Amino acid sequence: MSLGPTEIILIAAALLLLFGGKKIPELMKGLGEGVREFKKASRGDDDIVNKGALHHPGN
């Protein structure tokens, strides 16, 4: 199931009606920062596991 151009336009119009033109960039900025932080945290956890910090004897 994929979204076609018509569905994307309808979703964008509904968002514009619900939140207004000034609020949408703020919402997208917050969403982008959240995704960026999530990716950063998930990469950081891999680094810790690979270095063995989580499996240190004596913890």
C-alpha atoms as a PDB file:
ATOM      1  CA  MET A   1       0.000   0.000   0.000  1.00  0.00           C
ATOM      2  CA  SER A   2       1.554   3.272  -1.094  1.00  0.00           C
ATOM      3  CA  LEU A   3       0.374   6.834  -1.113  1.00  0.00           C
ATOM      4  CA  GLY A   4      -0.252   8.453  -4.458  1.00  0.00           C
ATOM      5  CA  PRO A   5      -0.013  12.141  -5.239  1.00  0.00           C
ATOM      6  CA  THR A   6      -3.721  12.704  -4.589  1.00  0.00           C
ATOM      7  CA  GLU A   7      -3.539  11.215  -1.088  1.00  0.00           C
ATOM      8  CA  ILE A   8      -0.453  13.238  -0.219  1.00  0.00           C
ATOM      9  CA  ILE A   9      -2.163  16.461  -1.354  1.00  0.00           C
ATOM     10  CA  LEU A  10      -5.261  15.633   0.725  1.00  0.00           C
ATOM     11  CA  ILE A  11      -3.150  14.919   3.812  1.00  0.00           C
ATOM     12  CA  ALA A  12      -1.196  18.164   3.321  1.00  0.00           C
ATOM     13  CA  ALA A  13      -4.451  20.139   2.948  1.00  0.00           C
ATOM     14  CA  ALA A  14      -5.881  18.561   6.114  1.00  0.00           C
ATOM     15  CA  LEU A  15      -2.710  19.435   8.045  1.00  0.00           C
ATOM     16  CA  LEU A  16      -2.865  22.991   6.761  1.00  0.00           C
ATOM     17  CA  LEU A  17      -6.480  23.322   7.883  1.00  0.00           C
ATOM     18  CA  LEU A  18      -5.827  21.766  11.300  1.00  0.00           C
ATOM     19  CA  PHE A  19      -2.620  23.535  12.269  1.00  0.00           C
ATOM     20  CA  GLY A  20      -2.413  26.627  10.082  1.00  0.00           C
ATOM     21  CA  GLY A  21       0.440  27.787   7.889  1.00  0.00           C
ATOM     22  CA  LYS A  22       2.636  29.159  10.654  1.00  0.00           C
ATOM     23  CA  LYS A  23       2.549  26.104  12.910  1.00  0.00           C
ATOM     24  CA  ILE A  24       3.465  23.439  10.324  1.00  0.00           C
ATOM     25  CA  PRO A  25       7.173  24.425   9.946  1.00  0.00           C
ATOM     26  CA  GLU A  26       7.544  24.333  13.733  1.00  0.00           C
ATOM     27  CA  LEU A  27       5.969  20.873  13.866  1.00  0.00           C
ATOM     28  CA  MET A  28       8.202  19.576  11.072  1.00  0.00           C
ATOM     29  CA  LYS A  29      11.292  21.033  12.757  1.00  0.00           C
ATOM     30  CA  GLY A  30      10.402  19.265  16.005  1.00  0.00           C
ATOM     31  CA  LEU A  31       9.741  16.021  14.158  1.00  0.00           C
ATOM     32  CA  GLY A  32      13.077  16.271  12.321  1.00  0.00           C
ATOM     33  CA  GLU A  33      14.957  16.932  15.560  1.00  0.00           C
ATOM     34  CA  GLY A  34      13.267  13.949  17.186  1.00  0.00           C
ATOM     35  CA  VAL A  35      14.185  11.627  14.317  1.00  0.00           C
ATOM     36  CA  ARG A  36      17.759  12.948  14.307  1.00  0.00           C
ATOM     37  CA  GLU A  37      18.089  12.394  18.060  1.00  0.00           C
ATOM     38  CA  PHE A  38      16.652   8.880  17.740  1.00  0.00           C
ATOM     39  CA  LYS A  39      19.127   7.964  14.989  1.00  0.00           C
ATOM     40  CA  LYS A  40      21.987   9.446  16.986  1.00  0.00           C
ATOM     41  CA  ALA A  41      20.981   7.488  20.088  1.00  0.00           C
ATOM     42  CA  SER A  42      20.589   4.227  18.175  1.00  0.00           C
ATOM     43  CA  ARG A  43      24.049   4.621  16.606  1.00  0.00           C
ATOM     44  CA  GLY A  44      25.524   5.505  19.994  1.00  0.00           C
ATOM     45  CA  ASP A  45      24.144   2.335  21.581  1.00  0.00           C
ATOM     46  CA  ASP A  46      25.803   0.228  18.884  1.00  0.00           C
ATOM     47  CA  ASP A  47      29.134   1.912  19.566  1.00  0.00           C
ATOM     48  CA  ILE A  48      28.873   1.166  23.288  1.00  0.00           C
ATOM     49  CA  VAL A  49      28.007  -2.497  22.696  1.00  0.00           C
ATOM     50  CA  ASN A  50      30.809  -2.918  20.150  1.00  0.00           C
ATOM     51  CA  LYS A  51      33.361  -1.503  22.592  1.00  0.00           C
ATOM     52  CA  GLY A  52      32.198  -3.913  25.283  1.00  0.00           C
ATOM     53  CA  ALA A  53      31.212  -1.236  27.788  1.00  0.00           C
ATOM     54  CA  LEU A  54      27.878  -2.895  28.478  1.00  0.00           C
ATOM     55  CA  HIS A  55      29.431  -6.327  28.997  1.00  0.00           C
ATOM     56  CA  HIS A  56      32.224  -5.248  31.304  1.00  0.00           C
ATOM     57  CA  PRO A  57      32.895  -7.884  33.982  1.00  0.00           C
ATOM     58  CA  GLY A  58      32.241  -6.619  37.467  1.00  0.00           C
ATOM     59  CA  ASN A  59      29.091  -4.625  36.619  1.00  0.00           C
END
